[in-house]
Amino acid sequence: MQHLIRRLLAPALLCALLILAAAAVAAKAPIKGASYRGMTSPPGASSVTFKVSANGKQVLNFTTHLGYNGKCGQGGGPTYEVKAHVLALHGGRFAGTAKGTLGTIKPVTVKISGRIAAGNASGSVVEPAGFRCKSIDKGANAYSETFTAKAA
């Protein structure tokens, strides 16, 4: 009888552990169909909005503004509107490129990357070819911001 109990107990424990592990992963997964809202980093803080697709495999309509971040000292530069219609989402991480636009000025390529864990998101918006500081904070990218957002 004890032998039978041991034979049944081991698979039952394994199943319970697998269920707990799956629940832990699901609790950290992006919320399917949720809209997220947040802000970019100061000093040029701008709103950030996007939605996770119903199947949880895409970030949709990522929108923000990317402006001069103050790393090169006083002064500034143009603020680009950034819109990415679809970004692939795998394992809670997303990345891709979009065009930053400002009126009739030639668009710039902007890299977007981020991570979503349940109702919280964070990441960066960067113009890779952006203006680099020449004196203060030498070499820093003046068009690089981070963002945080929460499910609305």
C-alpha atoms as a PDB file:
ATOM      1  CA  MET A   1       0.000   0.000   0.000  1.00  0.00           C
ATOM      2  CA  GLN A   2       2.804   2.444   0.892  1.00  0.00           C
ATOM      3  CA  HIS A   3       4.475   1.640  -2.392  1.00  0.00           C
ATOM      4  CA  LEU A   4       1.281   2.550  -4.263  1.00  0.00           C
ATOM      5  CA  ILE A   5       0.964   5.836  -2.361  1.00  0.00           C
ATOM      6  CA  ARG A   6       4.553   6.768  -3.197  1.00  0.00           C
ATOM      7  CA  ARG A   7       4.001   5.967  -6.882  1.00  0.00           C
ATOM      8  CA  LEU A   8       0.940   8.235  -6.985  1.00  0.00           C
ATOM      9  CA  LEU A   9       2.394  10.997  -4.830  1.00  0.00           C
ATOM     10  CA  ALA A  10       5.467  11.721  -6.998  1.00  0.00           C
ATOM     11  CA  PRO A  11       3.498  12.517 -10.193  1.00  0.00           C
ATOM     12  CA  ALA A  12       0.944  14.530  -8.195  1.00  0.00           C
ATOM     13  CA  LEU A  13       3.723  16.655  -6.686  1.00  0.00           C
ATOM     14  CA  LEU A  14       5.291  17.158 -10.094  1.00  0.00           C
ATOM     15  CA  CYS A  15       1.939  18.293 -11.542  1.00  0.00           C
ATOM     16  CA  ALA A  16       1.422  20.711  -8.644  1.00  0.00           C
ATOM     17  CA  LEU A  17       4.875  22.219  -9.165  1.00  0.00           C
ATOM     18  CA  LEU A  18       4.259  22.621 -12.909  1.00  0.00           C
ATOM     19  CA  ILE A  19       0.925  24.328 -12.247  1.00  0.00           C
ATOM     20  CA  LEU A  20       2.547  26.721  -9.761  1.00  0.00           C
ATOM     21  CA  ALA A  21       5.358  27.521 -12.227  1.00  0.00           C
ATOM     22  CA  ALA A  22       2.862  28.190 -15.036  1.00  0.00           C
ATOM     23  CA  ALA A  23       0.835  30.459 -12.742  1.00  0.00           C
ATOM     24  CA  ALA A  24       3.969  32.411 -11.799  1.00  0.00           C
ATOM     25  CA  VAL A  25       4.875  32.933 -15.464  1.00  0.00           C
ATOM     26  CA  ALA A  26       1.306  33.958 -16.336  1.00  0.00           C
ATOM     27  CA  ALA A  27       1.259  36.473 -13.477  1.00  0.00           C
ATOM     28  CA  LYS A  28       4.282  38.241 -15.017  1.00  0.00           C
ATOM     29  CA  ALA A  29       3.060  38.103 -18.625  1.00  0.00           C
ATOM     30  CA  PRO A  30       1.773  41.253 -20.342  1.00  0.00           C
ATOM     31  CA  ILE A  31      -1.957  41.742 -19.906  1.00  0.00           C
ATOM     32  CA  LYS A  32      -3.563  40.751 -23.210  1.00  0.00           C
ATOM     33  CA  GLY A  33      -5.661  43.552 -24.699  1.00  0.00           C
ATOM     34  CA  ALA A  34      -4.566  46.080 -22.048  1.00  0.00           C
ATOM     35  CA  SER A  35      -3.793  49.724 -22.790  1.00  0.00           C
ATOM     36  CA  TYR A  36      -0.672  51.151 -21.144  1.00  0.00           C
ATOM     37  CA  ARG A  37       0.007  54.796 -20.269  1.00  0.00           C
ATOM     38  CA  GLY A  38       3.113  56.429 -18.885  1.00  0.00           C
ATOM     39  CA  MET A  39       5.816  59.057 -19.295  1.00  0.00           C
ATOM     40  CA  THR A  40       9.318  59.390 -20.691  1.00  0.00           C
ATOM     41  CA  SER A  41      12.173  60.489 -18.449  1.00  0.00           C
ATOM     42  CA  PRO A  42      12.617  64.147 -17.490  1.00  0.00           C
ATOM     43  CA  PRO A  43      13.589  66.812 -18.368  1.00  0.00           C
ATOM     44  CA  GLY A  44      11.555  66.571 -21.583  1.00  0.00           C
ATOM     45  CA  ALA A  45       8.911  64.205 -20.174  1.00  0.00           C
ATOM     46  CA  SER A  46       6.279  63.211 -22.735  1.00  0.00           C
ATOM     47  CA  SER A  47       3.364  60.818 -22.564  1.00  0.00           C
ATOM     48  CA  VAL A  48       3.762  57.226 -23.758  1.00  0.00           C
ATOM     49  CA  THR A  49       0.789  55.129 -24.849  1.00  0.00           C
ATOM     50  CA  PHE A  50       0.409  51.695 -26.410  1.00  0.00           C
ATOM     51  CA  LYS A  51      -1.757  48.602 -26.317  1.00  0.00           C
ATOM     52  CA  VAL A  52      -0.961  44.902 -26.064  1.00  0.00           C
ATOM     53  CA  SER A  53      -2.782  42.880 -28.734  1.00  0.00           C
ATOM     54  CA  ALA A  54      -5.580  40.508 -27.739  1.00  0.00           C
ATOM     55  CA  ASN A  55      -3.291  37.508 -28.372  1.00  0.00           C
ATOM     56  CA  GLY A  56      -0.408  39.057 -26.379  1.00  0.00           C
ATOM     57  CA  LYS A  57       2.058  38.823 -29.288  1.00  0.00           C
ATOM     58  CA  GLN A  58       2.286  42.482 -30.328  1.00  0.00           C
ATOM     59  CA  VAL A  59       2.570  45.990 -28.980  1.00  0.00           C
ATOM     60  CA  LEU A  60       0.204  48.176 -30.982  1.00  0.00           C
ATOM     61  CA  ASN A  61       0.202  51.936 -31.659  1.00  0.00           C
ATOM     62  CA  PHE A  62       3.209  52.867 -29.515  1.00  0.00           C
ATOM     63  CA  THR A  63       3.201  56.685 -29.409  1.00  0.00           C
ATOM     64  CA  THR A  64       5.445  59.238 -27.688  1.00  0.00           C
ATOM     65  CA  HIS A  65       7.719  62.219 -28.368  1.00  0.00           C
ATOM     66  CA  LEU A  66      11.519  62.154 -28.338  1.00  0.00           C
ATOM     67  CA  GLY A  67      13.229  65.413 -27.565  1.00  0.00           C
ATOM     68  CA  TYR A  68      16.529  66.800 -26.373  1.00  0.00           C
ATOM     69  CA  ASN A  69      17.298  65.184 -23.004  1.00  0.00           C
ATOM     70  CA  GLY A  70      19.559  67.908 -21.530  1.00  0.00           C
ATOM     71  CA  LYS A  71      22.664  65.692 -21.296  1.00  0.00           C
ATOM     72  CA  CYS A  72      24.729  68.212 -23.267  1.00  0.00           C
ATOM     73  CA  GLY A  73      23.841  71.143 -21.018  1.00  0.00           C
ATOM     74  CA  GLN A  74      21.454  74.006 -21.578  1.00  0.00           C
ATOM     75  CA  GLY A  75      19.854  74.412 -24.938  1.00  0.00           C
ATOM     76  CA  GLY A  76      17.758  72.032 -26.885  1.00  0.00           C
ATOM     77  CA  GLY A  77      16.644  70.775 -30.193  1.00  0.00           C
ATOM     78  CA  PRO A  78      13.571  69.591 -32.022  1.00  0.00           C
ATOM     79  CA  THR A  79      11.078  67.183 -30.488  1.00  0.00           C
ATOM     80  CA  TYR A  80      10.103  64.321 -32.788  1.00  0.00           C
ATOM     81  CA  GLU A  81       6.738  62.579 -32.767  1.00  0.00           C
ATOM     82  CA  VAL A  82       7.299  58.815 -32.634  1.00  0.00           C
ATOM     83  CA  LYS A  83       4.659  56.300 -33.730  1.00  0.00           C
ATOM     84  CA  ALA A  84       5.157  52.558 -34.184  1.00  0.00           C
ATOM     85  CA  HIS A  85       2.040  50.759 -35.369  1.00  0.00           C
ATOM     86  CA  VAL A  86       3.178  47.189 -34.575  1.00  0.00           C
ATOM     87  CA  LEU A  87       6.112  45.876 -32.529  1.00  0.00           C
ATOM     88  CA  ALA A  88       6.654  42.135 -31.956  1.00  0.00           C
ATOM     89  CA  LEU A  89       6.272  41.010 -28.332  1.00  0.00           C
ATOM     90  CA  HIS A  90       8.046  37.829 -27.143  1.00  0.00           C
ATOM     91  CA  GLY A  91       8.510  36.734 -23.541  1.00  0.00           C
ATOM     92  CA  GLY A  92       7.420  40.142 -22.282  1.00  0.00           C
ATOM     93  CA  ARG A  93      10.027  41.979 -24.385  1.00  0.00           C
ATOM     94  CA  PHE A  94       9.491  44.126 -27.455  1.00  0.00           C
ATOM     95  CA  ALA A  95      11.745  46.037 -29.827  1.00  0.00           C
ATOM     96  CA  GLY A  96      11.668  47.665 -33.209  1.00  0.00           C
ATOM     97  CA  THR A  97      12.129  50.873 -35.141  1.00  0.00           C
ATOM     98  CA  ALA A  98       9.848  53.729 -36.072  1.00  0.00           C
ATOM     99  CA  LYS A  99      10.139  57.081 -37.794  1.00  0.00           C
ATOM    100  CA  GLY A 100      10.418  60.216 -35.712  1.00  0.00           C
ATOM    101  CA  THR A 101       8.709  63.061 -37.539  1.00  0.00           C
ATOM    102  CA  LEU A 102       8.704  66.825 -37.130  1.00  0.00           C
ATOM    103  CA  GLY A 103       6.730  68.736 -39.722  1.00  0.00           C
ATOM    104  CA  THR A 104       8.585  68.852 -43.028  1.00  0.00           C
ATOM    105  CA  ILE A 105      12.011  68.026 -41.517  1.00  0.00           C
ATOM    106  CA  LYS A 106      13.457  64.740 -42.807  1.00  0.00           C
ATOM    107  CA  PRO A 107      12.235  61.873 -40.542  1.00  0.00           C
ATOM    108  CA  VAL A 108      14.741  60.163 -38.254  1.00  0.00           C
ATOM    109  CA  THR A 109      14.930  56.470 -37.397  1.00  0.00           C
ATOM    110  CA  VAL A 110      14.130  55.775 -33.761  1.00  0.00           C
ATOM    111  CA  LYS A 111      14.753  52.504 -31.883  1.00  0.00           C
ATOM    112  CA  ILE A 112      12.150  51.440 -29.340  1.00  0.00           C
ATOM    113  CA  SER A 113      12.712  48.655 -26.839  1.00  0.00           C
ATOM    114  CA  GLY A 114      10.926  47.622 -23.692  1.00  0.00           C
ATOM    115  CA  ARG A 115       9.777  45.004 -21.247  1.00  0.00           C
ATOM    116  CA  ILE A 116       6.300  44.346 -19.896  1.00  0.00           C
ATOM    117  CA  ALA A 117       5.720  42.417 -16.674  1.00  0.00           C
ATOM    118  CA  ALA A 118       1.987  42.171 -15.927  1.00  0.00           C
ATOM    119  CA  GLY A 119       0.732  45.740 -15.506  1.00  0.00           C
ATOM    120  CA  ASN A 120       4.136  47.480 -15.615  1.00  0.00           C
ATOM    121  CA  ALA A 121       6.245  48.414 -18.615  1.00  0.00           C
ATOM    122  CA  SER A 122       9.595  50.122 -19.043  1.00  0.00           C
ATOM    123  CA  GLY A 123      12.046  50.719 -21.829  1.00  0.00           C
ATOM    124  CA  SER A 124      13.843  53.220 -24.012  1.00  0.00           C
ATOM    125  CA  VAL A 125      13.330  55.386 -27.071  1.00  0.00           C
ATOM    126  CA  VAL A 126      16.581  56.319 -28.830  1.00  0.00           C
ATOM    127  CA  GLU A 127      17.659  58.000 -32.033  1.00  0.00           C
ATOM    128  CA  PRO A 128      20.831  55.933 -32.670  1.00  0.00           C
ATOM    129  CA  ALA A 129      22.326  58.536 -35.004  1.00  0.00           C
ATOM    130  CA  GLY A 130      21.348  61.317 -32.604  1.00  0.00           C
ATOM    131  CA  PHE A 131      23.468  64.331 -31.730  1.00  0.00           C
ATOM    132  CA  ARG A 132      26.372  63.375 -29.443  1.00  0.00           C
ATOM    133  CA  CYS A 133      27.579  65.718 -26.711  1.00  0.00           C
ATOM    134  CA  LYS A 134      30.934  67.347 -27.448  1.00  0.00           C
ATOM    135  CA  SER A 135      31.862  68.832 -24.068  1.00  0.00           C
ATOM    136  CA  ILE A 136      29.530  68.149 -21.119  1.00  0.00           C
ATOM    137  CA  ASP A 137      28.900  64.389 -20.784  1.00  0.00           C
ATOM    138  CA  LYS A 138      31.069  63.869 -23.888  1.00  0.00           C
ATOM    139  CA  GLY A 139      29.731  61.246 -26.276  1.00  0.00           C
ATOM    140  CA  ALA A 140      26.299  60.957 -24.616  1.00  0.00           C
ATOM    141  CA  ASN A 141      23.339  60.705 -26.972  1.00  0.00           C
ATOM    142  CA  ALA A 142      21.221  63.857 -26.642  1.00  0.00           C
ATOM    143  CA  TYR A 143      18.198  62.007 -28.086  1.00  0.00           C
ATOM    144  CA  SER A 144      17.837  59.045 -25.746  1.00  0.00           C
ATOM    145  CA  GLU A 145      15.064  58.674 -23.171  1.00  0.00           C
ATOM    146  CA  THR A 146      13.666  55.973 -20.944  1.00  0.00           C
ATOM    147  CA  PHE A 147      10.003  55.414 -20.190  1.00  0.00           C
ATOM    148  CA  THR A 148       7.721  53.713 -17.698  1.00  0.00           C
ATOM    149  CA  ALA A 149       4.045  52.868 -18.153  1.00  0.00           C
ATOM    150  CA  LYS A 150       1.230  51.052 -16.344  1.00  0.00           C
ATOM    151  CA  ALA A 151      -1.828  49.220 -17.573  1.00  0.00           C
ATOM    152  CA  ALA A 152      -4.741  51.649 -17.565  1.00  0.00           C
END
